[in-house]
Amino acid sequence: MTISDMIRELCDRMDISLAELCRRIGQTPQNFNKKLQRGTVSSEEIVQIAKVLNIGYEQVFVLPDGEKIGIRR
């Protein structure tokens, strides 16, 4: 599943349109749709999406010993 697929599924599950999500993160739907098509949504934008939807987001590397390095919001 791509990040674009994940964002679309998130909108479905949160019962919010993609256009409304774009407004909440301060982007135009046209601009954000292009990013989704190209797969160029940044980590910072993903964190911002989680923040405006009041949900958690984790991006981690898991080392062989189980230690985790990453972003948690």
PDB file of N, CA and C in Angstrom:
ATOM      1  N   MET A   1       0.846  -1.172   0.000  1.00  0.00           N
ATOM      2  CA  MET A   1       0.000   0.000   0.000  1.00  0.00           C
ATOM      3  C   MET A   1       0.894   1.238   0.000  1.00  0.00           C
ATOM      4  N   THR A   2       0.626   2.164  -0.885  1.00  0.00           N
ATOM      5  CA  THR A   2       1.417   3.393  -0.967  1.00  0.00           C
ATOM      6  C   THR A   2       0.909   4.406   0.055  1.00  0.00           C
ATOM      7  N   ILE A   3       1.694   5.438   0.288  1.00  0.00           N
ATOM      8  CA  ILE A   3       1.270   6.500   1.204  1.00  0.00           C
ATOM      9  C   ILE A   3       0.013   7.181   0.659  1.00  0.00           C
ATOM     10  N   SER A   4      -0.079   7.301  -0.654  1.00  0.00           N
ATOM     11  CA  SER A   4      -1.278   7.894  -1.260  1.00  0.00           C
ATOM     12  C   SER A   4      -2.512   7.054  -0.943  1.00  0.00           C
ATOM     13  N   ASP A   5      -2.371   5.725  -1.059  1.00  0.00           N
ATOM     14  CA  ASP A   5      -3.471   4.820  -0.715  1.00  0.00           C
ATOM     15  C   ASP A   5      -3.838   4.953   0.762  1.00  0.00           C
ATOM     16  N   MET A   6      -2.815   5.060   1.592  1.00  0.00           N
ATOM     17  CA  MET A   6      -3.056   5.181   3.034  1.00  0.00           C
ATOM     18  C   MET A   6      -3.817   6.459   3.359  1.00  0.00           C
ATOM     19  N   ILE A   7      -3.451   7.558   2.725  1.00  0.00           N
ATOM     20  CA  ILE A   7      -4.127   8.832   2.989  1.00  0.00           C
ATOM     21  C   ILE A   7      -5.574   8.773   2.516  1.00  0.00           C
ATOM     22  N   ARG A   8      -5.807   8.176   1.367  1.00  0.00           N
ATOM     23  CA  ARG A   8      -7.186   8.046   0.866  1.00  0.00           C
ATOM     24  C   ARG A   8      -8.021   7.157   1.797  1.00  0.00           C
ATOM     25  N   GLU A   9      -7.439   6.053   2.257  1.00  0.00           N
ATOM     26  CA  GLU A   9      -8.155   5.176   3.181  1.00  0.00           C
ATOM     27  C   GLU A   9      -8.409   5.880   4.510  1.00  0.00           C
ATOM     28  N   LEU A  10      -7.445   6.643   4.972  1.00  0.00           N
ATOM     29  CA  LEU A  10      -7.605   7.415   6.195  1.00  0.00           C
ATOM     30  C   LEU A  10      -8.789   8.367   6.078  1.00  0.00           C
ATOM     31  N   CYS A  11      -8.881   9.060   4.949  1.00  0.00           N
ATOM     32  CA  CYS A  11     -10.011   9.976   4.735  1.00  0.00           C
ATOM     33  C   CYS A  11     -11.332   9.215   4.781  1.00  0.00           C
ATOM     34  N   ASP A  12     -11.383   8.053   4.143  1.00  0.00           N
ATOM     35  CA  ASP A  12     -12.604   7.237   4.172  1.00  0.00           C
ATOM     36  C   ASP A  12     -12.968   6.852   5.604  1.00  0.00           C
ATOM     37  N   ARG A  13     -11.999   6.362   6.335  1.00  0.00           N
ATOM     38  CA  ARG A  13     -12.268   5.892   7.699  1.00  0.00           C
ATOM     39  C   ARG A  13     -12.602   7.032   8.653  1.00  0.00           C
ATOM     40  N   MET A  14     -12.029   8.217   8.405  1.00  0.00           N
ATOM     41  CA  MET A  14     -12.298   9.378   9.262  1.00  0.00           C
ATOM     42  C   MET A  14     -13.520  10.154   8.785  1.00  0.00           C
ATOM     43  N   ASP A  15     -14.141   9.677   7.701  1.00  0.00           N
ATOM     44  CA  ASP A  15     -15.330  10.308   7.125  1.00  0.00           C
ATOM     45  C   ASP A  15     -15.085  11.791   6.813  1.00  0.00           C
ATOM     46  N   ILE A  16     -13.992  12.033   6.090  1.00  0.00           N
ATOM     47  CA  ILE A  16     -13.616  13.391   5.688  1.00  0.00           C
ATOM     48  C   ILE A  16     -13.220  13.331   4.213  1.00  0.00           C
ATOM     49  N   SER A  17     -13.594  14.341   3.472  1.00  0.00           N
ATOM     50  CA  SER A  17     -13.213  14.364   2.061  1.00  0.00           C
ATOM     51  C   SER A  17     -11.740  14.739   1.934  1.00  0.00           C
ATOM     52  N   LEU A  18     -11.155  14.351   0.843  1.00  0.00           N
ATOM     53  CA  LEU A  18      -9.769  14.713   0.592  1.00  0.00           C
ATOM     54  C   LEU A  18      -9.643  16.235   0.483  1.00  0.00           C
ATOM     55  N   ALA A  19     -10.650  16.877  -0.109  1.00  0.00           N
ATOM     56  CA  ALA A  19     -10.638  18.340  -0.231  1.00  0.00           C
ATOM     57  C   ALA A  19     -10.642  19.003   1.146  1.00  0.00           C
ATOM     58  N   GLU A  20     -11.427  18.467   2.081  1.00  0.00           N
ATOM     59  CA  GLU A  20     -11.463  19.026   3.438  1.00  0.00           C
ATOM     60  C   GLU A  20     -10.126  18.820   4.139  1.00  0.00           C
ATOM     61  N   LEU A  21      -9.523  17.653   3.965  1.00  0.00           N
ATOM     62  CA  LEU A  21      -8.207  17.414   4.539  1.00  0.00           C
ATOM     63  C   LEU A  21      -7.212  18.439   4.010  1.00  0.00           C
ATOM     64  N   CYS A  22      -7.252  18.698   2.723  1.00  0.00           N
ATOM     65  CA  CYS A  22      -6.348  19.677   2.107  1.00  0.00           C
ATOM     66  C   CYS A  22      -6.520  21.051   2.734  1.00  0.00           C
ATOM     67  N   ARG A  23      -7.765  21.459   2.917  1.00  0.00           N
ATOM     68  CA  ARG A  23      -8.026  22.768   3.543  1.00  0.00           C
ATOM     69  C   ARG A  23      -7.445  22.812   4.955  1.00  0.00           C
ATOM     70  N   ARG A  24      -7.606  21.727   5.694  1.00  0.00           N
ATOM     71  CA  ARG A  24      -7.113  21.709   7.079  1.00  0.00           C
ATOM     72  C   ARG A  24      -5.594  21.778   7.168  1.00  0.00           C
ATOM     73  N   ILE A  25      -4.903  21.266   6.157  1.00  0.00           N
ATOM     74  CA  ILE A  25      -3.430  21.320   6.183  1.00  0.00           C
ATOM     75  C   ILE A  25      -2.896  22.513   5.390  1.00  0.00           C
ATOM     76  N   GLY A  26      -3.816  23.348   4.897  1.00  0.00           N
ATOM     77  CA  GLY A  26      -3.400  24.588   4.238  1.00  0.00           C
ATOM     78  C   GLY A  26      -2.898  24.413   2.821  1.00  0.00           C
ATOM     79  N   GLN A  27      -3.398  23.404   2.123  1.00  0.00           N
ATOM     80  CA  GLN A  27      -2.997  23.194   0.730  1.00  0.00           C
ATOM     81  C   GLN A  27      -4.238  23.155  -0.150  1.00  0.00           C
ATOM     82  N   THR A  28      -4.056  23.477  -1.399  1.00  0.00           N
ATOM     83  CA  THR A  28      -5.173  23.368  -2.328  1.00  0.00           C
ATOM     84  C   THR A  28      -5.352  21.903  -2.711  1.00  0.00           C
ATOM     85  N   PRO A  29      -6.592  21.487  -2.962  1.00  0.00           N
ATOM     86  CA  PRO A  29      -6.800  20.109  -3.395  1.00  0.00           C
ATOM     87  C   PRO A  29      -6.024  19.771  -4.671  1.00  0.00           C
ATOM     88  N   GLN A  30      -5.924  20.723  -5.580  1.00  0.00           N
ATOM     89  CA  GLN A  30      -5.202  20.475  -6.829  1.00  0.00           C
ATOM     90  C   GLN A  30      -3.732  20.162  -6.560  1.00  0.00           C
ATOM     91  N   ASN A  31      -3.103  20.971  -5.718  1.00  0.00           N
ATOM     92  CA  ASN A  31      -1.691  20.769  -5.403  1.00  0.00           C
ATOM     93  C   ASN A  31      -1.473  19.437  -4.682  1.00  0.00           C
ATOM     94  N   PHE A  32      -2.320  19.150  -3.690  1.00  0.00           N
ATOM     95  CA  PHE A  32      -2.131  17.939  -2.913  1.00  0.00           C
ATOM     96  C   PHE A  32      -2.423  16.693  -3.741  1.00  0.00           C
ATOM     97  N   ASN A  33      -3.423  16.764  -4.612  1.00  0.00           N
ATOM     98  CA  ASN A  33      -3.717  15.629  -5.491  1.00  0.00           C
ATOM     99  C   ASN A  33      -2.537  15.306  -6.392  1.00  0.00           C
ATOM    100  N   LYS A  34      -1.836  16.335  -6.864  1.00  0.00           N
ATOM    101  CA  LYS A  34      -0.642  16.108  -7.692  1.00  0.00           C
ATOM    102  C   LYS A  34       0.434  15.388  -6.872  1.00  0.00           C
ATOM    103  N   LYS A  35       0.590  15.790  -5.609  1.00  0.00           N
ATOM    104  CA  LYS A  35       1.564  15.123  -4.746  1.00  0.00           C
ATOM    105  C   LYS A  35       1.182  13.659  -4.535  1.00  0.00           C
ATOM    106  N   LEU A  36      -0.110  13.396  -4.360  1.00  0.00           N
ATOM    107  CA  LEU A  36      -0.561  12.018  -4.194  1.00  0.00           C
ATOM    108  C   LEU A  36      -0.296  11.207  -5.450  1.00  0.00           C
ATOM    109  N   GLN A  37      -0.556  11.781  -6.605  1.00  0.00           N
ATOM    110  CA  GLN A  37      -0.330  11.076  -7.871  1.00  0.00           C
ATOM    111  C   GLN A  37       1.148  10.762  -8.081  1.00  0.00           C
ATOM    112  N   ARG A  38       2.014  11.713  -7.712  1.00  0.00           N
ATOM    113  CA  ARG A  38       3.454  11.523  -7.895  1.00  0.00           C
ATOM    114  C   ARG A  38       4.088  10.732  -6.753  1.00  0.00           C
ATOM    115  N   GLY A  39       3.363  10.610  -5.647  1.00  0.00           N
ATOM    116  CA  GLY A  39       3.925   9.934  -4.474  1.00  0.00           C
ATOM    117  C   GLY A  39       4.974  10.771  -3.778  1.00  0.00           C
ATOM    118  N   THR A  40       4.765  12.090  -3.759  1.00  0.00           N
ATOM    119  CA  THR A  40       5.766  12.989  -3.185  1.00  0.00           C
ATOM    120  C   THR A  40       5.274  13.694  -1.917  1.00  0.00           C
ATOM    121  N   VAL A  41       4.378  13.067  -1.178  1.00  0.00           N
ATOM    122  CA  VAL A  41       3.924  13.634   0.095  1.00  0.00           C
ATOM    123  C   VAL A  41       5.074  13.489   1.086  1.00  0.00           C
ATOM    124  N   SER A  42       5.454  14.586   1.732  1.00  0.00           N
ATOM    125  CA  SER A  42       6.612  14.559   2.635  1.00  0.00           C
ATOM    126  C   SER A  42       6.239  14.022   4.012  1.00  0.00           C
ATOM    127  N   SER A  43       7.258  13.622   4.757  1.00  0.00           N
ATOM    128  CA  SER A  43       7.064  13.171   6.137  1.00  0.00           C
ATOM    129  C   SER A  43       6.433  14.271   6.981  1.00  0.00           C
ATOM    130  N   GLU A  44       6.854  15.497   6.741  1.00  0.00           N
ATOM    131  CA  GLU A  44       6.309  16.630   7.490  1.00  0.00           C
ATOM    132  C   GLU A  44       4.815  16.799   7.210  1.00  0.00           C
ATOM    133  N   GLU A  45       4.410  16.591   5.958  1.00  0.00           N
ATOM    134  CA  GLU A  45       2.990  16.694   5.614  1.00  0.00           C
ATOM    135  C   GLU A  45       2.190  15.580   6.270  1.00  0.00           C
ATOM    136  N   ILE A  46       2.767  14.398   6.356  1.00  0.00           N
ATOM    137  CA  ILE A  46       2.086  13.281   7.000  1.00  0.00           C
ATOM    138  C   ILE A  46       1.891  13.561   8.487  1.00  0.00           C
ATOM    139  N   VAL A  47       2.911  14.100   9.129  1.00  0.00           N
ATOM    140  CA  VAL A  47       2.809  14.475  10.541  1.00  0.00           C
ATOM    141  C   VAL A  47       1.732  15.547  10.713  1.00  0.00           C
ATOM    142  N   GLN A  48       1.688  16.503   9.790  1.00  0.00           N
ATOM    143  CA  GLN A  48       0.681  17.565   9.852  1.00  0.00           C
ATOM    144  C   GLN A  48      -0.730  16.985   9.698  1.00  0.00           C
ATOM    145  N   ILE A  49      -0.897  16.017   8.811  1.00  0.00           N
ATOM    146  CA  ILE A  49      -2.196  15.357   8.633  1.00  0.00           C
ATOM    147  C   ILE A  49      -2.632  14.705   9.948  1.00  0.00           C
ATOM    148  N   ALA A  50      -1.721  13.971  10.569  1.00  0.00           N
ATOM    149  CA  ALA A  50      -2.041  13.327  11.843  1.00  0.00           C
ATOM    150  C   ALA A  50      -2.435  14.355  12.890  1.00  0.00           C
ATOM    151  N   LYS A  51      -1.735  15.471  12.910  1.00  0.00           N
ATOM    152  CA  LYS A  51      -2.020  16.517  13.899  1.00  0.00           C
ATOM    153  C   LYS A  51      -3.408  17.107  13.701  1.00  0.00           C
ATOM    154  N   VAL A  52      -3.762  17.471  12.460  1.00  0.00           N
ATOM    155  CA  VAL A  52      -5.063  18.114  12.236  1.00  0.00           C
ATOM    156  C   VAL A  52      -6.219  17.134  12.423  1.00  0.00           C
ATOM    157  N   LEU A  53      -5.962  15.831  12.266  1.00  0.00           N
ATOM    158  CA  LEU A  53      -7.011  14.834  12.475  1.00  0.00           C
ATOM    159  C   LEU A  53      -7.009  14.282  13.900  1.00  0.00           C
ATOM    160  N   ASN A  54      -6.052  14.748  14.702  1.00  0.00           N
ATOM    161  CA  ASN A  54      -5.940  14.340  16.099  1.00  0.00           C
ATOM    162  C   ASN A  54      -5.795  12.814  16.224  1.00  0.00           C
ATOM    163  N   ILE A  55      -4.864  12.282  15.430  1.00  0.00           N
ATOM    164  CA  ILE A  55      -4.583  10.851  15.451  1.00  0.00           C
ATOM    165  C   ILE A  55      -3.076  10.651  15.603  1.00  0.00           C
ATOM    166  N   GLY A  56      -2.680   9.448  15.919  1.00  0.00           N
ATOM    167  CA  GLY A  56      -1.265   9.137  16.049  1.00  0.00           C
ATOM    168  C   GLY A  56      -0.635   8.806  14.706  1.00  0.00           C
ATOM    169  N   TYR A  57       0.670   8.955  14.660  1.00  0.00           N
ATOM    170  CA  TYR A  57       1.448   8.578  13.477  1.00  0.00           C
ATOM    171  C   TYR A  57       2.818   8.133  13.954  1.00  0.00           C
ATOM    172  N   GLU A  58       3.277   7.002  13.433  1.00  0.00           N
ATOM    173  CA  GLU A  58       4.604   6.494  13.771  1.00  0.00           C
ATOM    174  C   GLU A  58       5.358   6.154  12.495  1.00  0.00           C
ATOM    175  N   GLN A  59       6.606   6.560  12.460  1.00  0.00           N
ATOM    176  CA  GLN A  59       7.508   6.161  11.380  1.00  0.00           C
ATOM    177  C   GLN A  59       8.804   5.772  12.060  1.00  0.00           C
ATOM    178  N   VAL A  60       9.153   4.491  11.978  1.00  0.00           N
ATOM    179  CA  VAL A  60      10.313   4.025  12.739  1.00  0.00           C
ATOM    180  C   VAL A  60      11.189   3.072  11.938  1.00  0.00           C
ATOM    181  N   PHE A  61      12.454   3.071  12.301  1.00  0.00           N
ATOM    182  CA  PHE A  61      13.385   2.028  11.906  1.00  0.00           C
ATOM    183  C   PHE A  61      13.508   1.124  13.132  1.00  0.00           C
ATOM    184  N   VAL A  62      13.518  -0.175  12.912  1.00  0.00           N
ATOM    185  CA  VAL A  62      13.675  -1.115  14.016  1.00  0.00           C
ATOM    186  C   VAL A  62      15.008  -1.829  13.822  1.00  0.00           C
ATOM    187  N   LEU A  63      15.901  -1.609  14.776  1.00  0.00           N
ATOM    188  CA  LEU A  63      17.237  -2.208  14.731  1.00  0.00           C
ATOM    189  C   LEU A  63      17.162  -3.684  15.123  1.00  0.00           C
ATOM    190  N   PRO A  64      18.201  -4.472  14.785  1.00  0.00           N
ATOM    191  CA  PRO A  64      18.190  -5.909  15.115  1.00  0.00           C
ATOM    192  C   PRO A  64      17.940  -6.196  16.593  1.00  0.00           C
ATOM    193  N   ASP A  65      18.382  -5.298  17.477  1.00  0.00           N
ATOM    194  CA  ASP A  65      18.181  -5.526  18.915  1.00  0.00           C
ATOM    195  C   ASP A  65      16.806  -5.051  19.396  1.00  0.00           C
ATOM    196  N   GLY A  66      15.961  -4.567  18.464  1.00  0.00           N
ATOM    197  CA  GLY A  66      14.618  -4.117  18.827  1.00  0.00           C
ATOM    198  C   GLY A  66      14.510  -2.636  19.120  1.00  0.00           C
ATOM    199  N   GLU A  67      15.647  -1.947  19.220  1.00  0.00           N
ATOM    200  CA  GLU A  67      15.613  -0.506  19.453  1.00  0.00           C
ATOM    201  C   GLU A  67      14.961   0.187  18.271  1.00  0.00           C
ATOM    202  N   LYS A  68      14.180   1.227  18.557  1.00  0.00           N
ATOM    203  CA  LYS A  68      13.471   1.944  17.501  1.00  0.00           C
ATOM    204  C   LYS A  68      13.980   3.376  17.391  1.00  0.00           C
ATOM    205  N   ILE A  69      14.125   3.812  16.159  1.00  0.00           N
ATOM    206  CA  ILE A  69      14.510   5.188  15.845  1.00  0.00           C
ATOM    207  C   ILE A  69      13.449   5.721  14.925  1.00  0.00           C
ATOM    208  N   GLY A  70      12.802   6.833  15.317  1.00  0.00           N
ATOM    209  CA  GLY A  70      11.799   7.334  14.407  1.00  0.00           C
ATOM    210  C   GLY A  70      10.993   8.508  14.913  1.00  0.00           C
ATOM    211  N   ILE A  71       9.937   8.753  14.159  1.00  0.00           N
ATOM    212  CA  ILE A  71       9.011   9.850  14.410  1.00  0.00           C
ATOM    213  C   ILE A  71       7.769   9.263  15.069  1.00  0.00           C
ATOM    214  N   ARG A  72       7.363   9.850  16.162  1.00  0.00           N
ATOM    215  CA  ARG A  72       6.101   9.470  16.795  1.00  0.00           C
ATOM    216  C   ARG A  72       5.357  10.741  17.131  1.00  0.00           C
ATOM    217  N   ARG A  73       4.165  10.838  16.641  1.00  0.00           N
ATOM    218  CA  ARG A  73       3.329  12.024  16.929  1.00  0.00           C
ATOM    219  C   ARG A  73       1.959  11.577  17.317  1.00  0.00           C
TER     220      ARG A  73
END
